[in-house]
Amino acid sequence: MPSINGMSSPAMDYASEAYSASLAKVAQQQKADQDLALLEEATKNVTPAASSGSHTTTDNLGQNININV
């Protein structure tokens, strides 16, 4: 951060630290928003778990088996 006329060194150090913290907070918020958006998108495309009822599948011998959930 460039120096500002009339500000002491400790004040400049504080201003620089506050500015850096602000930038870090903004970056963290943007990352969190992006992660949330990705998570929401991922949950839209998830195949739902098997609903209750009777389901037919094949075992490892090729025989049809019914599964009641």
C-alpha atoms as a PDB file:
ATOM      1  CA  MET A   1       0.000   0.000   0.000  1.00  0.00           C
ATOM      2  CA  PRO A   2       1.518   3.389  -0.890  1.00  0.00           C
ATOM      3  CA  SER A   3       2.195   5.816   1.911  1.00  0.00           C
ATOM      4  CA  ILE A   4      -0.280   8.581   2.662  1.00  0.00           C
ATOM      5  CA  ASN A   5       1.031  12.050   3.500  1.00  0.00           C
ATOM      6  CA  GLY A   6       0.527  12.943   7.130  1.00  0.00           C
ATOM      7  CA  MET A   7       0.146   9.376   8.419  1.00  0.00           C
ATOM      8  CA  SER A   8       2.662   7.994  10.878  1.00  0.00           C
ATOM      9  CA  SER A   9       4.348   4.669  10.301  1.00  0.00           C
ATOM     10  CA  PRO A  10       2.264   2.818  12.946  1.00  0.00           C
ATOM     11  CA  ALA A  11      -0.905   4.247  11.413  1.00  0.00           C
ATOM     12  CA  MET A  12       0.214   3.117   7.962  1.00  0.00           C
ATOM     13  CA  ASP A  13       1.024  -0.331   9.331  1.00  0.00           C
ATOM     14  CA  TYR A  14      -2.451  -0.542  10.864  1.00  0.00           C
ATOM     15  CA  ALA A  15      -4.130   0.687   7.689  1.00  0.00           C
ATOM     16  CA  SER A  16      -2.168  -1.815   5.611  1.00  0.00           C
ATOM     17  CA  GLU A  17      -3.063  -4.662   7.969  1.00  0.00           C
ATOM     18  CA  ALA A  18      -6.744  -3.676   8.005  1.00  0.00           C
ATOM     19  CA  TYR A  19      -6.792  -3.467   4.207  1.00  0.00           C
ATOM     20  CA  SER A  20      -5.148  -6.888   3.888  1.00  0.00           C
ATOM     21  CA  ALA A  21      -7.626  -8.373   6.356  1.00  0.00           C
ATOM     22  CA  SER A  22     -10.495  -6.880   4.380  1.00  0.00           C
ATOM     23  CA  LEU A  23      -9.183  -8.400   1.149  1.00  0.00           C
ATOM     24  CA  ALA A  24      -8.751 -11.773   2.855  1.00  0.00           C
ATOM     25  CA  LYS A  25     -12.316 -11.616   4.174  1.00  0.00           C
ATOM     26  CA  VAL A  26     -13.684 -10.808   0.705  1.00  0.00           C
ATOM     27  CA  ALA A  27     -11.691 -13.667  -0.831  1.00  0.00           C
ATOM     28  CA  GLN A  28     -12.906 -16.064   1.856  1.00  0.00           C
ATOM     29  CA  GLN A  29     -16.521 -15.007   1.282  1.00  0.00           C
ATOM     30  CA  GLN A  30     -16.179 -15.466  -2.485  1.00  0.00           C
ATOM     31  CA  LYS A  31     -14.705 -18.945  -1.955  1.00  0.00           C
ATOM     32  CA  ALA A  32     -17.529 -19.872   0.422  1.00  0.00           C
ATOM     33  CA  ASP A  33     -20.140 -18.621  -2.063  1.00  0.00           C
ATOM     34  CA  GLN A  34     -18.485 -20.611  -4.846  1.00  0.00           C
ATOM     35  CA  ASP A  35     -18.328 -23.756  -2.706  1.00  0.00           C
ATOM     36  CA  LEU A  36     -21.993 -23.366  -1.781  1.00  0.00           C
ATOM     37  CA  ALA A  37     -22.993 -22.915  -5.420  1.00  0.00           C
ATOM     38  CA  LEU A  38     -21.023 -26.033  -6.399  1.00  0.00           C
ATOM     39  CA  LEU A  39     -22.598 -28.001  -3.574  1.00  0.00           C
ATOM     40  CA  GLU A  40     -26.095 -26.903  -4.595  1.00  0.00           C
ATOM     41  CA  GLU A  41     -25.379 -27.861  -8.218  1.00  0.00           C
ATOM     42  CA  ALA A  42     -24.037 -31.256  -7.166  1.00  0.00           C
ATOM     43  CA  THR A  43     -27.131 -32.054  -5.127  1.00  0.00           C
ATOM     44  CA  LYS A  44     -29.403 -31.274  -8.093  1.00  0.00           C
ATOM     45  CA  ASN A  45     -27.885 -34.092 -10.158  1.00  0.00           C
ATOM     46  CA  VAL A  46     -27.795 -36.795  -7.497  1.00  0.00           C
ATOM     47  CA  THR A  47     -29.856 -39.878  -8.257  1.00  0.00           C
ATOM     48  CA  PRO A  48     -32.287 -40.322  -5.385  1.00  0.00           C
ATOM     49  CA  ALA A  49     -31.952 -43.361  -3.152  1.00  0.00           C
ATOM     50  CA  ALA A  50     -34.203 -46.300  -3.896  1.00  0.00           C
ATOM     51  CA  SER A  51     -37.731 -45.477  -2.895  1.00  0.00           C
ATOM     52  CA  SER A  52     -39.816 -47.924  -0.956  1.00  0.00           C
ATOM     53  CA  GLY A  53     -41.438 -50.700  -2.899  1.00  0.00           C
ATOM     54  CA  SER A  54     -40.398 -53.777  -4.826  1.00  0.00           C
ATOM     55  CA  HIS A  55     -37.321 -53.663  -7.043  1.00  0.00           C
ATOM     56  CA  THR A  56     -35.959 -56.315  -9.364  1.00  0.00           C
ATOM     57  CA  THR A  57     -32.249 -56.837  -9.901  1.00  0.00           C
ATOM     58  CA  THR A  58     -29.927 -59.626 -11.012  1.00  0.00           C
ATOM     59  CA  ASP A  59     -27.587 -61.543  -8.740  1.00  0.00           C
ATOM     60  CA  ASN A  60     -24.080 -62.660  -9.726  1.00  0.00           C
ATOM     61  CA  LEU A  61     -25.461 -65.902 -11.258  1.00  0.00           C
ATOM     62  CA  GLY A  62     -27.800 -64.009 -13.574  1.00  0.00           C
ATOM     63  CA  GLN A  63     -30.926 -64.900 -11.658  1.00  0.00           C
ATOM     64  CA  ASN A  64     -33.575 -62.266 -11.093  1.00  0.00           C
ATOM     65  CA  ILE A  65     -34.181 -61.425  -7.460  1.00  0.00           C
ATOM     66  CA  ASN A  66     -36.784 -59.146  -5.913  1.00  0.00           C
ATOM     67  CA  ILE A  67     -35.800 -56.696  -3.221  1.00  0.00           C
ATOM     68  CA  ASN A  68     -38.467 -55.137  -1.021  1.00  0.00           C
ATOM     69  CA  VAL A  69     -37.472 -51.840   0.540  1.00  0.00           C
END
